[in-house]
Amino acid sequence: MEDLGSFFRRYADAHLKFEADALDAFYHFPCLINDLMGVHAIGSVEDLHTYNQSFFDELKNADLAMAKSMLIEQHSALPGGSRAIVSFRFGNSENNLIFDCDYAFALLKQDETWKIVFAQLDEIRYSDLY
């Protein structure tokens, strides 16, 4: 079983692909994503692609070249599930910070693989460059 630190490092790296299906394998369907615009019910990979399209466009326009994650907290109180708080940093090809953000996640194990069932954005901090 992959540890959550590795899971979220792969998740951050997947953003560098800018592909609609880059994040599909990380999510359970249905799932919920709570961001600055409210709660989004994601029922399928197509819903996830639609949800992520503008975000991927923003990352491309900002010249994303670096994505890092740091597992801040992990609680595995339920069998087959876990809660995690993760900090992400996204930078450009000149190694400048684009933005960083913190997320809280609820995950479950599905066929020995972690899947995100809920993601909640805590806050997003943009660099003065953008």
Protein backbone atom coordinates (compact mmCIF):
# COMPACT_ATOMS: atom_id res chain seq x y z
CA MET A 1 0.00 0.00 0.00
CA GLU A 2 1.39 3.36 -1.03
CA ASP A 3 1.87 5.84 1.80
CA LEU A 4 -0.03 9.13 1.56
CA GLY A 5 3.14 11.22 1.20
CA SER A 6 4.00 9.37 -2.02
CA PHE A 7 0.39 9.51 -3.18
CA PHE A 8 0.28 13.29 -2.90
CA ARG A 9 3.72 13.71 -4.52
CA ARG A 10 2.38 11.79 -7.54
CA TYR A 11 -0.82 13.87 -7.39
CA ALA A 12 1.17 17.14 -7.48
CA ASP A 13 3.36 15.85 -10.34
CA ALA A 14 0.24 14.91 -12.35
CA HIS A 15 -0.62 18.61 -12.60
CA LEU A 16 2.49 19.12 -14.74
CA LYS A 17 0.93 17.05 -17.54
CA PHE A 18 -1.87 19.59 -18.27
CA GLU A 19 -3.98 16.67 -19.55
CA ALA A 20 -7.68 16.30 -18.87
CA ASP A 21 -7.25 12.75 -17.53
CA ALA A 22 -4.09 13.44 -15.46
CA LEU A 23 -5.95 13.40 -12.14
CA ASP A 24 -8.58 10.72 -12.86
CA ALA A 25 -6.77 7.88 -11.08
CA PHE A 26 -6.57 9.86 -7.83
CA TYR A 27 -10.32 10.32 -7.35
CA HIS A 28 -13.20 8.09 -6.35
CA PHE A 29 -16.44 8.77 -8.22
CA PRO A 30 -18.66 10.24 -6.96
CA CYS A 31 -16.68 12.71 -4.85
CA LEU A 32 -16.96 16.27 -3.57
CA ILE A 33 -14.61 19.22 -3.99
CA ASN A 34 -15.10 22.32 -1.86
CA ASP A 35 -13.23 25.36 -3.21
CA LEU A 36 -13.57 29.14 -3.12
CA MET A 37 -16.66 28.93 -5.37
CA GLY A 38 -18.52 26.40 -3.20
CA VAL A 39 -19.08 22.63 -3.16
CA HIS A 40 -18.87 20.73 -6.44
CA ALA A 41 -20.36 17.25 -6.83
CA ILE A 42 -18.12 15.28 -9.18
CA GLY A 43 -19.97 12.23 -10.44
CA SER A 44 -17.71 11.09 -13.28
CA VAL A 45 -14.35 11.60 -14.93
CA GLU A 46 -16.03 13.95 -17.38
CA ASP A 47 -17.22 16.12 -14.47
CA LEU A 48 -13.66 16.17 -13.11
CA HIS A 49 -12.29 17.18 -16.54
CA THR A 50 -14.79 20.03 -16.76
CA TYR A 51 -14.00 21.13 -13.21
CA ASN A 52 -10.21 21.12 -13.79
CA GLN A 53 -10.13 22.67 -17.29
CA SER A 54 -9.89 26.33 -16.23
CA PHE A 55 -7.38 25.45 -13.50
CA PHE A 56 -5.12 23.65 -16.00
CA ASP A 57 -5.45 26.62 -18.38
CA GLU A 58 -4.41 28.97 -15.57
CA LEU A 59 -1.40 26.79 -14.74
CA LYS A 60 -0.31 26.67 -18.41
CA ASN A 61 -0.60 30.45 -18.74
CA ALA A 62 1.52 30.88 -15.59
CA ASP A 63 4.25 28.61 -17.07
CA LEU A 64 3.88 25.88 -14.44
CA ALA A 65 7.07 23.83 -14.23
CA MET A 66 7.20 22.76 -10.57
CA ALA A 67 4.59 21.21 -8.29
CA LYS A 68 5.42 20.11 -4.75
CA SER A 69 3.35 18.65 -1.96
CA MET A 70 3.96 18.28 1.75
CA LEU A 71 1.82 16.03 3.93
CA ILE A 72 1.14 18.15 7.03
CA GLU A 73 -1.23 15.85 8.96
CA GLN A 74 -2.60 12.35 8.58
CA HIS A 75 -5.27 10.60 10.62
CA SER A 76 -6.32 7.05 9.90
CA ALA A 77 -9.10 6.59 12.42
CA LEU A 78 -11.36 4.55 10.14
CA PRO A 79 -10.46 1.18 8.68
CA GLY A 80 -9.80 1.66 4.98
CA GLY A 81 -9.88 5.43 5.20
CA SER A 82 -7.75 8.40 6.08
CA ARG A 83 -7.88 12.16 6.51
CA ALA A 84 -4.97 14.31 5.39
CA ILE A 85 -3.95 17.95 5.29
CA VAL A 86 -1.57 18.74 2.46
CA SER A 87 0.28 21.90 1.46
CA PHE A 88 1.00 22.44 -2.25
CA ARG A 89 3.45 24.82 -3.96
CA PHE A 90 3.34 25.57 -7.68
CA GLY A 91 6.20 27.35 -9.44
CA ASN A 92 7.18 28.45 -12.93
CA SER A 93 10.18 27.59 -15.14
CA GLU A 94 12.20 30.43 -13.57
CA ASN A 95 11.67 28.78 -10.17
CA ASN A 96 9.35 31.58 -9.01
CA LEU A 97 6.33 30.79 -6.89
CA ILE A 98 3.01 31.01 -8.75
CA PHE A 99 0.89 30.16 -5.70
CA ASP A 100 0.64 27.84 -2.75
CA CYS A 101 -2.41 26.40 -1.06
CA ASP A 102 -3.55 23.99 1.63
CA TYR A 103 -6.15 21.27 1.19
CA ALA A 104 -7.88 18.87 3.56
CA PHE A 105 -8.68 15.48 2.03
CA ALA A 106 -10.78 12.47 2.96
CA LEU A 107 -9.55 9.30 1.28
CA LEU A 108 -10.44 5.65 1.14
CA LYS A 109 -8.63 2.55 0.01
CA GLN A 110 -10.13 0.99 -3.08
CA ASP A 111 -8.41 -2.18 -4.33
CA GLU A 112 -5.35 -1.28 -2.22
CA THR A 113 -5.15 2.16 -3.86
CA TRP A 114 -5.90 5.50 -2.20
CA LYS A 115 -8.78 7.48 -3.72
CA ILE A 116 -9.90 11.01 -2.84
CA VAL A 117 -13.57 11.20 -1.87
CA PHE A 118 -13.54 14.78 -0.56
CA ALA A 119 -11.17 17.71 -1.08
CA GLN A 120 -11.51 21.05 0.68
CA LEU A 121 -9.42 24.08 -0.21
CA ASP A 122 -8.39 25.97 2.91
CA GLU A 123 -6.82 29.04 1.32
CA ILE A 124 -4.83 29.98 -1.73
CA ARG A 125 -1.90 32.38 -1.56
CA TYR A 126 -0.87 33.91 -4.90
CA SER A 127 2.59 35.24 -5.53
CA ASP A 128 2.93 38.97 -6.15
CA LEU A 129 4.17 38.03 -9.63
CA TYR A 130 0.70 36.91 -10.77
